[in-house]
């Protein structure tokens, strides 16, 4: 994914593309949780094992989850799923 982002942006350094790719993924994951939590008080269960990514597609079509359950939209629960379940392992 980093190489694809670097090529599309003409990034001078690979680490720039890695940072941009990570920020893009983080933004999409946070929005998948925060939007529904703000509107409905619940958010989709984005457990890492159920979230799928296709590196051949570009965002937003590269990320999907089939039939997610719902979780209470508390700040602690959202942070646990997004930050610790997805983003920390990528750091």
PDB file of N, CA and C in Angstrom:
ATOM      1  N   UNK A   1       0.818  -1.194   0.000  1.00  0.00           N
ATOM      2  CA  UNK A   1       0.000   0.000   0.000  1.00  0.00           C
ATOM      3  C   UNK A   1       0.865   1.262   0.000  1.00  0.00           C
ATOM      4  N   UNK A   2       1.931   1.239   0.730  1.00  0.00           N
ATOM      5  CA  UNK A   2       2.806   2.404   0.820  1.00  0.00           C
ATOM      6  C   UNK A   2       3.387   2.739  -0.547  1.00  0.00           C
ATOM      7  N   UNK A   3       3.815   1.734  -1.278  1.00  0.00           N
ATOM      8  CA  UNK A   3       4.376   1.982  -2.611  1.00  0.00           C
ATOM      9  C   UNK A   3       3.336   2.565  -3.563  1.00  0.00           C
ATOM     10  N   UNK A   4       2.096   2.098  -3.444  1.00  0.00           N
ATOM     11  CA  UNK A   4       1.017   2.617  -4.296  1.00  0.00           C
ATOM     12  C   UNK A   4       0.755   4.094  -3.983  1.00  0.00           C
ATOM     13  N   UNK A   5       0.710   4.428  -2.703  1.00  0.00           N
ATOM     14  CA  UNK A   5       0.505   5.822  -2.293  1.00  0.00           C
ATOM     15  C   UNK A   5       1.675   6.684  -2.753  1.00  0.00           C
ATOM     16  N   UNK A   6       2.886   6.187  -2.597  1.00  0.00           N
ATOM     17  CA  UNK A   6       4.076   6.944  -3.016  1.00  0.00           C
ATOM     18  C   UNK A   6       4.037   7.242  -4.507  1.00  0.00           C
ATOM     19  N   UNK A   7       3.647   6.255  -5.296  1.00  0.00           N
ATOM     20  CA  UNK A   7       3.583   6.444  -6.748  1.00  0.00           C
ATOM     21  C   UNK A   7       2.505   7.449  -7.134  1.00  0.00           C
ATOM     22  N   UNK A   8       1.345   7.361  -6.500  1.00  0.00           N
ATOM     23  CA  UNK A   8       0.245   8.272  -6.836  1.00  0.00           C
ATOM     24  C   UNK A   8       0.554   9.710  -6.458  1.00  0.00           C
ATOM     25  N   UNK A   9       1.270   9.887  -5.357  1.00  0.00           N
ATOM     26  CA  UNK A   9       1.567  11.240  -4.877  1.00  0.00           C
ATOM     27  C   UNK A   9       2.889  11.784  -5.398  1.00  0.00           C
ATOM     28  N   UNK A  10       3.711  10.914  -5.927  1.00  0.00           N
ATOM     29  CA  UNK A  10       5.054  11.339  -6.306  1.00  0.00           C
ATOM     30  C   UNK A  10       5.849  11.740  -5.079  1.00  0.00           C
ATOM     31  N   UNK A  11       5.626  11.017  -3.984  1.00  0.00           N
ATOM     32  CA  UNK A  11       6.278  11.341  -2.712  1.00  0.00           C
ATOM     33  C   UNK A  11       7.790  11.190  -2.834  1.00  0.00           C
ATOM     34  N   UNK A  12       8.531  12.164  -2.337  1.00  0.00           N
ATOM     35  CA  UNK A  12       9.989  12.110  -2.447  1.00  0.00           C
ATOM     36  C   UNK A  12      10.621  11.020  -1.581  1.00  0.00           C
ATOM     37  N   UNK A  13       9.936  10.640  -0.500  1.00  0.00           N
ATOM     38  CA  UNK A  13      10.456   9.614   0.404  1.00  0.00           C
ATOM     39  C   UNK A  13       9.347   8.627   0.734  1.00  0.00           C
ATOM     40  N   UNK A  14       9.725   7.374   0.882  1.00  0.00           N
ATOM     41  CA  UNK A  14       8.750   6.323   1.180  1.00  0.00           C
ATOM     42  C   UNK A  14       8.066   6.563   2.532  1.00  0.00           C
ATOM     43  N   UNK A  15       8.786   7.128   3.478  1.00  0.00           N
ATOM     44  CA  UNK A  15       8.197   7.369   4.801  1.00  0.00           C
ATOM     45  C   UNK A  15       7.074   8.397   4.742  1.00  0.00           C
ATOM     46  N   UNK A  16       7.129   9.320   3.789  1.00  0.00           N
ATOM     47  CA  UNK A  16       6.043  10.287   3.601  1.00  0.00           C
ATOM     48  C   UNK A  16       4.782   9.544   3.173  1.00  0.00           C
ATOM     49  N   UNK A  17       4.929   8.635   2.226  1.00  0.00           N
ATOM     50  CA  UNK A  17       3.784   7.848   1.757  1.00  0.00           C
ATOM     51  C   UNK A  17       3.239   6.959   2.872  1.00  0.00           C
ATOM     52  N   UNK A  18       4.120   6.392   3.692  1.00  0.00           N
ATOM     53  CA  UNK A  18       3.674   5.552   4.804  1.00  0.00           C
ATOM     54  C   UNK A  18       2.852   6.367   5.794  1.00  0.00           C
ATOM     55  N   UNK A  19       3.290   7.576   6.072  1.00  0.00           N
ATOM     56  CA  UNK A  19       2.569   8.448   6.987  1.00  0.00           C
ATOM     57  C   UNK A  19       1.195   8.809   6.434  1.00  0.00           C
ATOM     58  N   UNK A  20       1.139   9.150   5.167  1.00  0.00           N
ATOM     59  CA  UNK A  20      -0.134   9.519   4.541  1.00  0.00           C
ATOM     60  C   UNK A  20      -1.081   8.330   4.497  1.00  0.00           C
ATOM     61  N   UNK A  21      -0.578   7.156   4.164  1.00  0.00           N
ATOM     62  CA  UNK A  21      -1.418   5.954   4.133  1.00  0.00           C
ATOM     63  C   UNK A  21      -1.973   5.654   5.527  1.00  0.00           C
ATOM     64  N   UNK A  22      -1.134   5.784   6.545  1.00  0.00           N
ATOM     65  CA  UNK A  22      -1.571   5.532   7.919  1.00  0.00           C
ATOM     66  C   UNK A  22      -2.619   6.554   8.352  1.00  0.00           C
ATOM     67  N   UNK A  23      -2.403   7.816   8.035  1.00  0.00           N
ATOM     68  CA  UNK A  23      -3.376   8.855   8.392  1.00  0.00           C
ATOM     69  C   UNK A  23      -4.713   8.626   7.699  1.00  0.00           C
ATOM     70  N   UNK A  24      -4.671   8.199   6.442  1.00  0.00           N
ATOM     71  CA  UNK A  24      -5.908   7.918   5.716  1.00  0.00           C
ATOM     72  C   UNK A  24      -6.687   6.778   6.342  1.00  0.00           C
ATOM     73  N   UNK A  25      -5.995   5.715   6.697  1.00  0.00           N
ATOM     74  CA  UNK A  25      -6.654   4.583   7.346  1.00  0.00           C
ATOM     75  C   UNK A  25      -7.210   4.996   8.702  1.00  0.00           C
ATOM     76  N   UNK A  26      -6.422   5.731   9.469  1.00  0.00           N
ATOM     77  CA  UNK A  26      -6.874   6.182  10.787  1.00  0.00           C
ATOM     78  C   UNK A  26      -8.128   7.040  10.667  1.00  0.00           C
ATOM     79  N   UNK A  27      -8.149   7.957   9.721  1.00  0.00           N
ATOM     80  CA  UNK A  27      -9.313   8.831   9.543  1.00  0.00           C
ATOM     81  C   UNK A  27     -10.560   8.026   9.202  1.00  0.00           C
ATOM     82  N   UNK A  28     -10.414   7.046   8.329  1.00  0.00           N
ATOM     83  CA  UNK A  28     -11.579   6.243   7.952  1.00  0.00           C
ATOM     84  C   UNK A  28     -12.060   5.379   9.106  1.00  0.00           C
ATOM     85  N   UNK A  29     -11.148   4.802   9.866  1.00  0.00           N
ATOM     86  CA  UNK A  29     -11.559   3.988  11.008  1.00  0.00           C
ATOM     87  C   UNK A  29     -12.258   4.829  12.070  1.00  0.00           C
ATOM     88  N   UNK A  30     -11.681   5.992  12.393  1.00  0.00           N
ATOM     89  CA  UNK A  30     -12.318   6.858  13.389  1.00  0.00           C
ATOM     90  C   UNK A  30     -13.702   7.298  12.920  1.00  0.00           C
ATOM     91  N   UNK A  31     -13.843   7.633  11.643  1.00  0.00           N
ATOM     92  CA  UNK A  31     -15.148   8.101  11.163  1.00  0.00           C
ATOM     93  C   UNK A  31     -16.187   6.990  11.176  1.00  0.00           C
ATOM     94  N   UNK A  32     -15.764   5.742  10.925  1.00  0.00           N
ATOM     95  CA  UNK A  32     -16.698   4.611  10.985  1.00  0.00           C
ATOM     96  C   UNK A  32     -17.252   4.407  12.389  1.00  0.00           C
ATOM     97  N   UNK A  33     -16.497   4.793  13.389  1.00  0.00           N
ATOM     98  CA  UNK A  33     -16.942   4.642  14.768  1.00  0.00           C
ATOM     99  C   UNK A  33     -17.616   5.902  15.305  1.00  0.00           C
ATOM    100  N   UNK A  34     -17.009   7.059  15.064  1.00  0.00           N
ATOM    101  CA  UNK A  34     -17.513   8.293  15.676  1.00  0.00           C
ATOM    102  C   UNK A  34     -18.825   8.782  15.073  1.00  0.00           C
ATOM    103  N   UNK A  35     -18.989   8.648  13.769  1.00  0.00           N
ATOM    104  CA  UNK A  35     -20.231   9.103  13.132  1.00  0.00           C
ATOM    105  C   UNK A  35     -21.463   8.418  13.704  1.00  0.00           C
ATOM    106  N   UNK A  36     -21.533   7.095  13.639  1.00  0.00           N
ATOM    107  CA  UNK A  36     -22.696   6.406  14.201  1.00  0.00           C
ATOM    108  C   UNK A  36     -22.841   6.603  15.716  1.00  0.00           C
ATOM    109  N   UNK A  37     -21.721   6.675  16.426  1.00  0.00           N
ATOM    110  CA  UNK A  37     -21.800   6.881  17.876  1.00  0.00           C
ATOM    111  C   UNK A  37     -22.429   8.229  18.197  1.00  0.00           C
ATOM    112  N   UNK A  38     -22.057   9.259  17.449  1.00  0.00           N
ATOM    113  CA  UNK A  38     -22.619  10.594  17.679  1.00  0.00           C
ATOM    114  C   UNK A  38     -24.097  10.651  17.313  1.00  0.00           C
ATOM    115  N   UNK A  39     -24.472   9.988  16.237  1.00  0.00           N
ATOM    116  CA  UNK A  39     -25.860  10.047  15.770  1.00  0.00           C
ATOM    117  C   UNK A  39     -26.790   9.086  16.497  1.00  0.00           C
ATOM    118  N   UNK A  40     -26.305   7.887  16.825  1.00  0.00           N
ATOM    119  CA  UNK A  40     -27.191   6.841  17.330  1.00  0.00           C
ATOM    120  C   UNK A  40     -26.783   6.255  18.681  1.00  0.00           C
ATOM    121  N   UNK A  41     -25.616   6.664  19.199  1.00  0.00           N
ATOM    122  CA  UNK A  41     -25.166   6.129  20.476  1.00  0.00           C
ATOM    123  C   UNK A  41     -24.588   4.727  20.380  1.00  0.00           C
ATOM    124  N   UNK A  42     -24.407   4.227  19.173  1.00  0.00           N
ATOM    125  CA  UNK A  42     -23.848   2.900  18.932  1.00  0.00           C
ATOM    126  C   UNK A  42     -22.923   2.983  17.731  1.00  0.00           C
ATOM    127  N   UNK A  43     -22.032   2.020  17.598  1.00  0.00           N
ATOM    128  CA  UNK A  43     -21.162   1.990  16.424  1.00  0.00           C
ATOM    129  C   UNK A  43     -20.925   0.543  16.017  1.00  0.00           C
ATOM    130  N   UNK A  44     -20.538   0.306  14.758  1.00  0.00           N
ATOM    131  CA  UNK A  44     -20.329  -1.072  14.310  1.00  0.00           C
ATOM    132  C   UNK A  44     -19.128  -1.713  14.999  1.00  0.00           C
ATOM    133  N   UNK A  45     -19.269  -2.987  15.295  1.00  0.00           N
ATOM    134  CA  UNK A  45     -18.179  -3.748  15.907  1.00  0.00           C
ATOM    135  C   UNK A  45     -17.095  -3.951  14.855  1.00  0.00           C
ATOM    136  N   UNK A  46     -16.022  -3.208  14.971  1.00  0.00           N
ATOM    137  CA  UNK A  46     -14.944  -3.214  13.979  1.00  0.00           C
ATOM    138  C   UNK A  46     -13.783  -4.095  14.424  1.00  0.00           C
ATOM    139  N   UNK A  47     -14.113  -5.247  14.966  1.00  0.00           N
ATOM    140  CA  UNK A  47     -13.085  -6.178  15.427  1.00  0.00           C
ATOM    141  C   UNK A  47     -12.117  -6.467  14.275  1.00  0.00           C
ATOM    142  N   UNK A  48     -10.814  -6.413  14.527  1.00  0.00           N
ATOM    143  CA  UNK A  48      -9.832  -6.565  13.446  1.00  0.00           C
ATOM    144  C   UNK A  48     -10.001  -7.824  12.591  1.00  0.00           C
ATOM    145  N   UNK A  49     -10.417  -8.932  13.189  1.00  0.00           N
ATOM    146  CA  UNK A  49     -10.571 -10.167  12.417  1.00  0.00           C
ATOM    147  C   UNK A  49     -11.703 -10.104  11.402  1.00  0.00           C
ATOM    148  N   UNK A  50     -12.653  -9.190  11.580  1.00  0.00           N
ATOM    149  CA  UNK A  50     -13.798  -9.099  10.674  1.00  0.00           C
ATOM    150  C   UNK A  50     -13.671  -7.962   9.660  1.00  0.00           C
ATOM    151  N   UNK A  51     -12.702  -7.091   9.852  1.00  0.00           N
ATOM    152  CA  UNK A  51     -12.503  -5.963   8.944  1.00  0.00           C
ATOM    153  C   UNK A  51     -11.598  -6.407   7.805  1.00  0.00           C
ATOM    154  N   UNK A  52     -12.035  -6.165   6.587  1.00  0.00           N
ATOM    155  CA  UNK A  52     -11.297  -6.626   5.407  1.00  0.00           C
ATOM    156  C   UNK A  52     -10.703  -5.452   4.647  1.00  0.00           C
ATOM    157  N   UNK A  53      -9.540  -5.674   4.074  1.00  0.00           N
ATOM    158  CA  UNK A  53      -8.844  -4.652   3.303  1.00  0.00           C
ATOM    159  C   UNK A  53      -8.364  -5.269   2.008  1.00  0.00           C
ATOM    160  N   UNK A  54      -8.599  -4.582   0.904  1.00  0.00           N
ATOM    161  CA  UNK A  54      -8.155  -5.041  -0.409  1.00  0.00           C
ATOM    162  C   UNK A  54      -7.114  -4.056  -0.931  1.00  0.00           C
ATOM    163  N   UNK A  55      -5.838  -4.428  -0.944  1.00  0.00           N
ATOM    164  CA  UNK A  55      -4.791  -3.498  -1.358  1.00  0.00           C
ATOM    165  C   UNK A  55      -4.836  -3.127  -2.837  1.00  0.00           C
ATOM    166  N   UNK A  56      -5.632  -3.846  -3.624  1.00  0.00           N
ATOM    167  CA  UNK A  56      -5.725  -3.538  -5.048  1.00  0.00           C
ATOM    168  C   UNK A  56      -6.696  -2.397  -5.337  1.00  0.00           C
ATOM    169  N   UNK A  57      -7.533  -2.065  -4.381  1.00  0.00           N
ATOM    170  CA  UNK A  57      -8.489  -0.969  -4.549  1.00  0.00           C
ATOM    171  C   UNK A  57      -7.995   0.280  -3.822  1.00  0.00           C
ATOM    172  N   UNK A  58      -8.581   1.408  -4.172  1.00  0.00           N
ATOM    173  CA  UNK A  58      -8.258   2.654  -3.481  1.00  0.00           C
ATOM    174  C   UNK A  58      -9.387   2.997  -2.521  1.00  0.00           C
ATOM    175  N   UNK A  59      -9.117   3.899  -1.599  1.00  0.00           N
ATOM    176  CA  UNK A  59     -10.144   4.262  -0.631  1.00  0.00           C
ATOM    177  C   UNK A  59     -11.282   4.996  -1.336  1.00  0.00           C
ATOM    178  N   UNK A  60     -12.498   4.848  -0.912  1.00  0.00           N
ATOM    179  CA  UNK A  60     -12.955   4.100   0.252  1.00  0.00           C
ATOM    180  C   UNK A  60     -13.310   2.644  -0.043  1.00  0.00           C
ATOM    181  N   UNK A  61     -13.124   2.191  -1.274  1.00  0.00           N
ATOM    182  CA  UNK A  61     -13.553   0.845  -1.654  1.00  0.00           C
ATOM    183  C   UNK A  61     -12.622  -0.260  -1.191  1.00  0.00           C
ATOM    184  N   UNK A  62     -11.545   0.073  -0.523  1.00  0.00           N
ATOM    185  CA  UNK A  62     -10.583  -0.945  -0.108  1.00  0.00           C
ATOM    186  C   UNK A  62     -10.850  -1.511   1.276  1.00  0.00           C
ATOM    187  N   UNK A  63     -11.789  -0.939   2.011  1.00  0.00           N
ATOM    188  CA  UNK A  63     -12.029  -1.308   3.400  1.00  0.00           C
ATOM    189  C   UNK A  63     -13.500  -1.655   3.583  1.00  0.00           C
ATOM    190  N   UNK A  64     -13.788  -2.830   4.144  1.00  0.00           N
ATOM    191  CA  UNK A  64     -15.177  -3.189   4.383  1.00  0.00           C
ATOM    192  C   UNK A  64     -15.285  -4.207   5.504  1.00  0.00           C
ATOM    193  N   UNK A  65     -16.506  -4.292   6.043  1.00  0.00           N
ATOM    194  CA  UNK A  65     -16.821  -5.274   7.076  1.00  0.00           C
ATOM    195  C   UNK A  65     -18.196  -5.839   6.744  1.00  0.00           C
ATOM    196  N   UNK A  66     -18.318  -7.137   6.799  1.00  0.00           N
ATOM    197  CA  UNK A  66     -19.582  -7.794   6.472  1.00  0.00           C
ATOM    198  C   UNK A  66     -20.385  -8.036   7.749  1.00  0.00           C
ATOM    199  N   UNK A  67     -21.624  -7.595   7.749  1.00  0.00           N
ATOM    200  CA  UNK A  67     -22.565  -7.836   8.845  1.00  0.00           C
ATOM    201  C   UNK A  67     -21.984  -7.589  10.236  1.00  0.00           C
ATOM    202  N   UNK A  68     -21.551  -6.358  10.511  1.00  0.00           N
ATOM    203  CA  UNK A  68     -20.981  -6.096  11.834  1.00  0.00           C
ATOM    204  C   UNK A  68     -22.055  -6.066  12.912  1.00  0.00           C
ATOM    205  N   UNK A  69     -21.684  -6.450  14.093  1.00  0.00           N
ATOM    206  CA  UNK A  69     -22.567  -6.263  15.229  1.00  0.00           C
ATOM    207  C   UNK A  69     -22.488  -4.804  15.664  1.00  0.00           C
ATOM    208  N   UNK A  70     -23.178  -4.475  16.738  1.00  0.00           N
ATOM    209  CA  UNK A  70     -23.151  -3.106  17.247  1.00  0.00           C
ATOM    210  C   UNK A  70     -22.625  -3.099  18.670  1.00  0.00           C
ATOM    211  N   UNK A  71     -21.971  -2.007  19.001  1.00  0.00           N
ATOM    212  CA  UNK A  71     -21.445  -1.813  20.346  1.00  0.00           C
ATOM    213  C   UNK A  71     -21.917  -0.466  20.878  1.00  0.00           C
ATOM    214  N   UNK A  72     -21.995  -0.313  22.201  1.00  0.00           N
ATOM    215  CA  UNK A  72     -22.326   0.992  22.771  1.00  0.00           C
ATOM    216  C   UNK A  72     -21.269   2.016  22.369  1.00  0.00           C
ATOM    217  N   UNK A  73     -21.712   3.200  22.008  1.00  0.00           N
ATOM    218  CA  UNK A  73     -20.807   4.231  21.506  1.00  0.00           C
ATOM    219  C   UNK A  73     -20.142   5.051  22.587  1.00  0.00           C
ATOM    220  N   UNK A  74     -19.550   4.391  23.560  1.00  0.00           N
ATOM    221  CA  UNK A  74     -18.835   5.120  24.608  1.00  0.00           C
ATOM    222  C   UNK A  74     -17.421   5.444  24.140  1.00  0.00           C
ATOM    223  N   UNK A  75     -16.871   6.496  24.690  1.00  0.00           N
ATOM    224  CA  UNK A  75     -15.520   6.911  24.304  1.00  0.00           C
ATOM    225  C   UNK A  75     -14.502   5.809  24.584  1.00  0.00           C
ATOM    226  N   UNK A  76     -14.627   5.156  25.734  1.00  0.00           N
ATOM    227  CA  UNK A  76     -13.675   4.096  26.075  1.00  0.00           C
ATOM    228  C   UNK A  76     -13.757   2.926  25.106  1.00  0.00           C
ATOM    229  N   UNK A  77     -14.973   2.538  24.748  1.00  0.00           N
ATOM    230  CA  UNK A  77     -15.153   1.398  23.837  1.00  0.00           C
ATOM    231  C   UNK A  77     -14.616   1.728  22.450  1.00  0.00           C
ATOM    232  N   UNK A  78     -14.894   2.932  21.969  1.00  0.00           N
ATOM    233  CA  UNK A  78     -14.409   3.344  20.645  1.00  0.00           C
ATOM    234  C   UNK A  78     -12.881   3.396  20.636  1.00  0.00           C
ATOM    235  N   UNK A  79     -12.314   3.998  21.656  1.00  0.00           N
ATOM    236  CA  UNK A  79     -10.848   4.091  21.726  1.00  0.00           C
ATOM    237  C   UNK A  79     -10.215   2.701  21.770  1.00  0.00           C
ATOM    238  N   UNK A  80     -10.803   1.812  22.552  1.00  0.00           N
ATOM    239  CA  UNK A  80     -10.286   0.446  22.653  1.00  0.00           C
ATOM    240  C   UNK A  80     -10.277  -0.239  21.283  1.00  0.00           C
ATOM    241  N   UNK A  81     -11.369  -0.103  20.541  1.00  0.00           N
ATOM    242  CA  UNK A  81     -11.448  -0.770  19.239  1.00  0.00           C
ATOM    243  C   UNK A  81     -10.555  -0.134  18.193  1.00  0.00           C
ATOM    244  N   UNK A  82     -10.619   1.178  18.060  1.00  0.00           N
ATOM    245  CA  UNK A  82      -9.896   1.835  16.969  1.00  0.00           C
ATOM    246  C   UNK A  82      -8.412   2.007  17.302  1.00  0.00           C
ATOM    247  N   UNK A  83      -8.132   2.666  18.396  1.00  0.00           N
ATOM    248  CA  UNK A  83      -6.725   2.937  18.714  1.00  0.00           C
ATOM    249  C   UNK A  83      -5.951   1.662  19.031  1.00  0.00           C
ATOM    250  N   UNK A  84      -6.466   0.889  19.982  1.00  0.00           N
ATOM    251  CA  UNK A  84      -5.707  -0.277  20.429  1.00  0.00           C
ATOM    252  C   UNK A  84      -5.928  -1.512  19.559  1.00  0.00           C
ATOM    253  N   UNK A  85      -7.095  -1.614  18.933  1.00  0.00           N
ATOM    254  CA  UNK A  85      -7.370  -2.774  18.092  1.00  0.00           C
ATOM    255  C   UNK A  85      -6.793  -2.684  16.694  1.00  0.00           C
ATOM    256  N   UNK A  86      -6.656  -1.442  16.182  1.00  0.00           N
ATOM    257  CA  UNK A  86      -6.207  -1.274  14.798  1.00  0.00           C
ATOM    258  C   UNK A  86      -4.931  -0.451  14.648  1.00  0.00           C
ATOM    259  N   UNK A  87      -4.881   0.709  15.276  1.00  0.00           N
ATOM    260  CA  UNK A  87      -3.795   1.652  14.989  1.00  0.00           C
ATOM    261  C   UNK A  87      -2.498   1.353  15.737  1.00  0.00           C
ATOM    262  N   UNK A  88      -2.576   0.997  16.997  1.00  0.00           N
ATOM    263  CA  UNK A  88      -1.354   0.682  17.745  1.00  0.00           C
ATOM    264  C   UNK A  88      -0.596  -0.489  17.103  1.00  0.00           C
ATOM    265  N   UNK A  89      -1.276  -1.556  16.688  1.00  0.00           N
ATOM    266  CA  UNK A  89      -0.529  -2.648  16.044  1.00  0.00           C
ATOM    267  C   UNK A  89       0.192  -2.232  14.755  1.00  0.00           C
ATOM    268  N   UNK A  90      -0.259  -1.175  14.106  1.00  0.00           N
ATOM    269  CA  UNK A  90       0.385  -0.718  12.874  1.00  0.00           C
ATOM    270  C   UNK A  90       1.557   0.219  13.124  1.00  0.00           C
ATOM    271  N   UNK A  91       1.638   0.754  14.335  1.00  0.00           N
ATOM    272  CA  UNK A  91       2.684   1.741  14.635  1.00  0.00           C
ATOM    273  C   UNK A  91       4.057   1.112  14.717  1.00  0.00           C
TER     274      UNK A  91
END
